[in-house]
């Protein structure tokens, strides 16, 4: 997953250079999302250990079904438990992840486009977080 995070961030840089700010915002967010997932899994966490919704789904699943891995929900990845309690990221880092998520939602679902200024602020902050999560930028 770390390789995917690195590739996503490199894609964000390329897309920004090409002035495709919406796609760059999406890739920048996914870079930090993938980095967080990689770090949580490196520490042997699974979604159902942090996310009550996933724990409930796993508990309700028929045990005779093939085991399928639970997925990491974006709201959990951006939430305090994963970022603050488990990964021990401080407020500035947690806020940067949240802002990357908000910008990705704007890029993908809202009529207004992401600006270079908005994207630059988020990407600059991610440049400081990603190396702490084991991602080369």
C-alpha atoms as a PDB file:
ATOM      1  CA  UNK A   1       0.000   0.000   0.000  1.00  0.00           C
ATOM      2  CA  UNK A   2       2.941   2.355   0.597  1.00  0.00           C
ATOM      3  CA  UNK A   3       3.956   2.032  -3.060  1.00  0.00           C
ATOM      4  CA  UNK A   4       0.418   3.010  -4.056  1.00  0.00           C
ATOM      5  CA  UNK A   5       0.574   6.016  -1.723  1.00  0.00           C
ATOM      6  CA  UNK A   6       3.844   7.146  -3.294  1.00  0.00           C
ATOM      7  CA  UNK A   7       2.422   6.680  -6.800  1.00  0.00           C
ATOM      8  CA  UNK A   8      -0.735   8.604  -5.856  1.00  0.00           C
ATOM      9  CA  UNK A   9       1.273  11.535  -4.535  1.00  0.00           C
ATOM     10  CA  UNK A  10       3.502  11.580  -7.621  1.00  0.00           C
ATOM     11  CA  UNK A  11       0.346  11.559  -9.766  1.00  0.00           C
ATOM     12  CA  UNK A  12      -1.007  14.492  -7.732  1.00  0.00           C
ATOM     13  CA  UNK A  13       2.187  16.440  -8.403  1.00  0.00           C
ATOM     14  CA  UNK A  14       1.997  15.699 -12.136  1.00  0.00           C
ATOM     15  CA  UNK A  15      -1.699  16.551 -12.334  1.00  0.00           C
ATOM     16  CA  UNK A  16      -1.114  19.829 -10.514  1.00  0.00           C
ATOM     17  CA  UNK A  17       1.668  20.712 -12.918  1.00  0.00           C
ATOM     18  CA  UNK A  18      -0.768  19.979 -15.764  1.00  0.00           C
ATOM     19  CA  UNK A  19      -3.258  22.310 -14.014  1.00  0.00           C
ATOM     20  CA  UNK A  20      -5.767  19.502 -13.476  1.00  0.00           C
ATOM     21  CA  UNK A  21      -6.475  20.584  -9.897  1.00  0.00           C
ATOM     22  CA  UNK A  22      -9.572  18.449  -9.260  1.00  0.00           C
ATOM     23  CA  UNK A  23      -7.819  15.208 -10.182  1.00  0.00           C
ATOM     24  CA  UNK A  24      -4.702  16.297  -8.317  1.00  0.00           C
ATOM     25  CA  UNK A  25      -6.754  16.908  -5.159  1.00  0.00           C
ATOM     26  CA  UNK A  26      -8.265  13.440  -5.425  1.00  0.00           C
ATOM     27  CA  UNK A  27      -4.858  11.778  -5.866  1.00  0.00           C
ATOM     28  CA  UNK A  28      -3.341  13.826  -3.020  1.00  0.00           C
ATOM     29  CA  UNK A  29      -6.068  12.680  -0.646  1.00  0.00           C
ATOM     30  CA  UNK A  30      -5.699   9.066  -1.725  1.00  0.00           C
ATOM     31  CA  UNK A  31      -1.958   9.289  -1.135  1.00  0.00           C
ATOM     32  CA  UNK A  32      -2.515  10.121   2.529  1.00  0.00           C
ATOM     33  CA  UNK A  33      -5.437   7.659   2.818  1.00  0.00           C
ATOM     34  CA  UNK A  34      -3.260   4.836   1.472  1.00  0.00           C
ATOM     35  CA  UNK A  35      -0.361   5.885   3.707  1.00  0.00           C
ATOM     36  CA  UNK A  36      -2.590   5.802   6.797  1.00  0.00           C
ATOM     37  CA  UNK A  37      -4.002   2.388   5.852  1.00  0.00           C
ATOM     38  CA  UNK A  38      -0.467   1.081   5.303  1.00  0.00           C
ATOM     39  CA  UNK A  39       0.660   2.360   8.700  1.00  0.00           C
ATOM     40  CA  UNK A  40      -2.386   0.968  10.530  1.00  0.00           C
ATOM     41  CA  UNK A  41      -1.927  -2.415   8.888  1.00  0.00           C
ATOM     42  CA  UNK A  42       1.827  -2.365   9.598  1.00  0.00           C
ATOM     43  CA  UNK A  43       0.835  -2.025  13.258  1.00  0.00           C
ATOM     44  CA  UNK A  44      -1.486  -5.048  12.792  1.00  0.00           C
ATOM     45  CA  UNK A  45      -4.729  -3.108  13.035  1.00  0.00           C
ATOM     46  CA  UNK A  46      -7.775  -4.217  11.072  1.00  0.00           C
ATOM     47  CA  UNK A  47     -10.818  -2.037  10.303  1.00  0.00           C
ATOM     48  CA  UNK A  48     -13.061  -3.916  12.721  1.00  0.00           C
ATOM     49  CA  UNK A  49     -10.685  -3.106  15.598  1.00  0.00           C
ATOM     50  CA  UNK A  50     -11.134   0.642  15.147  1.00  0.00           C
ATOM     51  CA  UNK A  51     -14.441   1.023  13.337  1.00  0.00           C
ATOM     52  CA  UNK A  52     -17.593  -0.038  15.216  1.00  0.00           C
ATOM     53  CA  UNK A  53     -19.542  -0.294  11.938  1.00  0.00           C
ATOM     54  CA  UNK A  54     -17.043  -2.781  10.515  1.00  0.00           C
ATOM     55  CA  UNK A  55     -16.964  -4.704  13.806  1.00  0.00           C
ATOM     56  CA  UNK A  56     -20.736  -5.051  13.656  1.00  0.00           C
ATOM     57  CA  UNK A  57     -20.647  -6.195  10.023  1.00  0.00           C
ATOM     58  CA  UNK A  58     -18.012  -8.790  10.820  1.00  0.00           C
ATOM     59  CA  UNK A  59     -19.989 -10.049  13.815  1.00  0.00           C
ATOM     60  CA  UNK A  60     -23.145 -10.384  11.711  1.00  0.00           C
ATOM     61  CA  UNK A  61     -21.432 -12.248   8.902  1.00  0.00           C
ATOM     62  CA  UNK A  62     -22.180 -15.931   8.454  1.00  0.00           C
ATOM     63  CA  UNK A  63     -19.041 -17.717   9.717  1.00  0.00           C
ATOM     64  CA  UNK A  64     -19.334 -20.304   6.928  1.00  0.00           C
ATOM     65  CA  UNK A  65     -18.805 -17.604   4.290  1.00  0.00           C
ATOM     66  CA  UNK A  66     -15.368 -17.198   2.839  1.00  0.00           C
ATOM     67  CA  UNK A  67     -13.473 -14.688   4.919  1.00  0.00           C
ATOM     68  CA  UNK A  68     -13.335 -11.396   3.056  1.00  0.00           C
ATOM     69  CA  UNK A  69     -11.314  -8.552   4.414  1.00  0.00           C
ATOM     70  CA  UNK A  70     -13.148  -5.559   5.797  1.00  0.00           C
ATOM     71  CA  UNK A  71     -12.445  -2.237   4.129  1.00  0.00           C
ATOM     72  CA  UNK A  72     -11.191   0.962   5.698  1.00  0.00           C
ATOM     73  CA  UNK A  73     -13.941   3.601   5.565  1.00  0.00           C
ATOM     74  CA  UNK A  74     -12.856   7.165   4.828  1.00  0.00           C
ATOM     75  CA  UNK A  75     -14.641   8.570   7.865  1.00  0.00           C
ATOM     76  CA  UNK A  76     -12.591   6.255  10.085  1.00  0.00           C
ATOM     77  CA  UNK A  77      -9.306   7.046   8.370  1.00  0.00           C
ATOM     78  CA  UNK A  78      -9.978  10.753   8.881  1.00  0.00           C
ATOM     79  CA  UNK A  79     -11.290  10.312  12.417  1.00  0.00           C
ATOM     80  CA  UNK A  80      -9.651  10.962  15.748  1.00  0.00           C
ATOM     81  CA  UNK A  81      -9.407   7.330  16.866  1.00  0.00           C
ATOM     82  CA  UNK A  82      -7.274   6.216  13.908  1.00  0.00           C
ATOM     83  CA  UNK A  83      -5.215   9.381  13.624  1.00  0.00           C
ATOM     84  CA  UNK A  84      -4.957  10.577  17.208  1.00  0.00           C
ATOM     85  CA  UNK A  85      -5.284   7.561  19.469  1.00  0.00           C
ATOM     86  CA  UNK A  86      -3.678   4.916  17.266  1.00  0.00           C
ATOM     87  CA  UNK A  87      -1.171   6.783  15.101  1.00  0.00           C
ATOM     88  CA  UNK A  88      -0.600   9.601  17.626  1.00  0.00           C
ATOM     89  CA  UNK A  89      -0.773  12.346  15.026  1.00  0.00           C
ATOM     90  CA  UNK A  90      -1.085  15.821  16.468  1.00  0.00           C
ATOM     91  CA  UNK A  91      -3.813  18.306  15.678  1.00  0.00           C
ATOM     92  CA  UNK A  92      -2.005  19.940  12.702  1.00  0.00           C
ATOM     93  CA  UNK A  93      -1.512  16.559  11.027  1.00  0.00           C
ATOM     94  CA  UNK A  94      -5.082  15.410  11.718  1.00  0.00           C
ATOM     95  CA  UNK A  95      -6.383  18.720  10.390  1.00  0.00           C
ATOM     96  CA  UNK A  96      -4.314  18.349   7.208  1.00  0.00           C
ATOM     97  CA  UNK A  97      -5.791  14.885   6.572  1.00  0.00           C
ATOM     98  CA  UNK A  98      -9.289  16.240   7.141  1.00  0.00           C
ATOM     99  CA  UNK A  99      -8.675  19.164   4.776  1.00  0.00           C
ATOM    100  CA  UNK A 100      -7.336  16.804   2.101  1.00  0.00           C
ATOM    101  CA  UNK A 101     -10.538  14.754   2.460  1.00  0.00           C
ATOM    102  CA  UNK A 102     -12.758  17.857   2.238  1.00  0.00           C
ATOM    103  CA  UNK A 103     -10.889  19.034  -0.859  1.00  0.00           C
ATOM    104  CA  UNK A 104     -11.219  15.585  -2.458  1.00  0.00           C
ATOM    105  CA  UNK A 105     -14.981  15.662  -1.863  1.00  0.00           C
ATOM    106  CA  UNK A 106     -15.144  19.120  -3.467  1.00  0.00           C
ATOM    107  CA  UNK A 107     -13.093  17.915  -6.424  1.00  0.00           C
ATOM    108  CA  UNK A 108     -15.176  14.815  -7.015  1.00  0.00           C
ATOM    109  CA  UNK A 109     -18.718  15.838  -6.064  1.00  0.00           C
ATOM    110  CA  UNK A 110     -19.234  19.591  -5.961  1.00  0.00           C
ATOM    111  CA  UNK A 111     -19.842  21.924  -8.916  1.00  0.00           C
ATOM    112  CA  UNK A 112     -17.022  24.328  -7.990  1.00  0.00           C
ATOM    113  CA  UNK A 113     -13.500  23.431  -9.016  1.00  0.00           C
ATOM    114  CA  UNK A 114     -10.533  23.161  -6.691  1.00  0.00           C
ATOM    115  CA  UNK A 115      -8.146  26.095  -7.091  1.00  0.00           C
ATOM    116  CA  UNK A 116      -4.377  25.868  -7.327  1.00  0.00           C
ATOM    117  CA  UNK A 117      -4.159  27.868  -4.102  1.00  0.00           C
ATOM    118  CA  UNK A 118      -6.408  25.425  -2.203  1.00  0.00           C
ATOM    119  CA  UNK A 119      -4.546  22.447  -3.598  1.00  0.00           C
ATOM    120  CA  UNK A 120      -1.156  23.957  -2.831  1.00  0.00           C
ATOM    121  CA  UNK A 121      -2.030  24.500   0.819  1.00  0.00           C
ATOM    122  CA  UNK A 122      -3.127  20.890   1.233  1.00  0.00           C
ATOM    123  CA  UNK A 123      -0.214  19.407  -0.698  1.00  0.00           C
ATOM    124  CA  UNK A 124       2.321  21.455   1.247  1.00  0.00           C
ATOM    125  CA  UNK A 125       0.919  20.061   4.483  1.00  0.00           C
ATOM    126  CA  UNK A 126       0.894  16.517   3.124  1.00  0.00           C
ATOM    127  CA  UNK A 127       4.565  16.866   2.213  1.00  0.00           C
ATOM    128  CA  UNK A 128       5.258  17.034   5.950  1.00  0.00           C
ATOM    129  CA  UNK A 129       2.971  14.165   6.971  1.00  0.00           C
ATOM    130  CA  UNK A 130       3.683  11.529   4.349  1.00  0.00           C
ATOM    131  CA  UNK A 131       7.337  10.933   5.321  1.00  0.00           C
ATOM    132  CA  UNK A 132       6.215  10.346   8.932  1.00  0.00           C
ATOM    133  CA  UNK A 133       3.954   7.611   7.553  1.00  0.00           C
ATOM    134  CA  UNK A 134       6.828   5.980   5.664  1.00  0.00           C
ATOM    135  CA  UNK A 135       6.129   7.535   2.269  1.00  0.00           C
ATOM    136  CA  UNK A 136       8.892   8.962   0.097  1.00  0.00           C
ATOM    137  CA  UNK A 137       7.856  12.236  -1.512  1.00  0.00           C
END
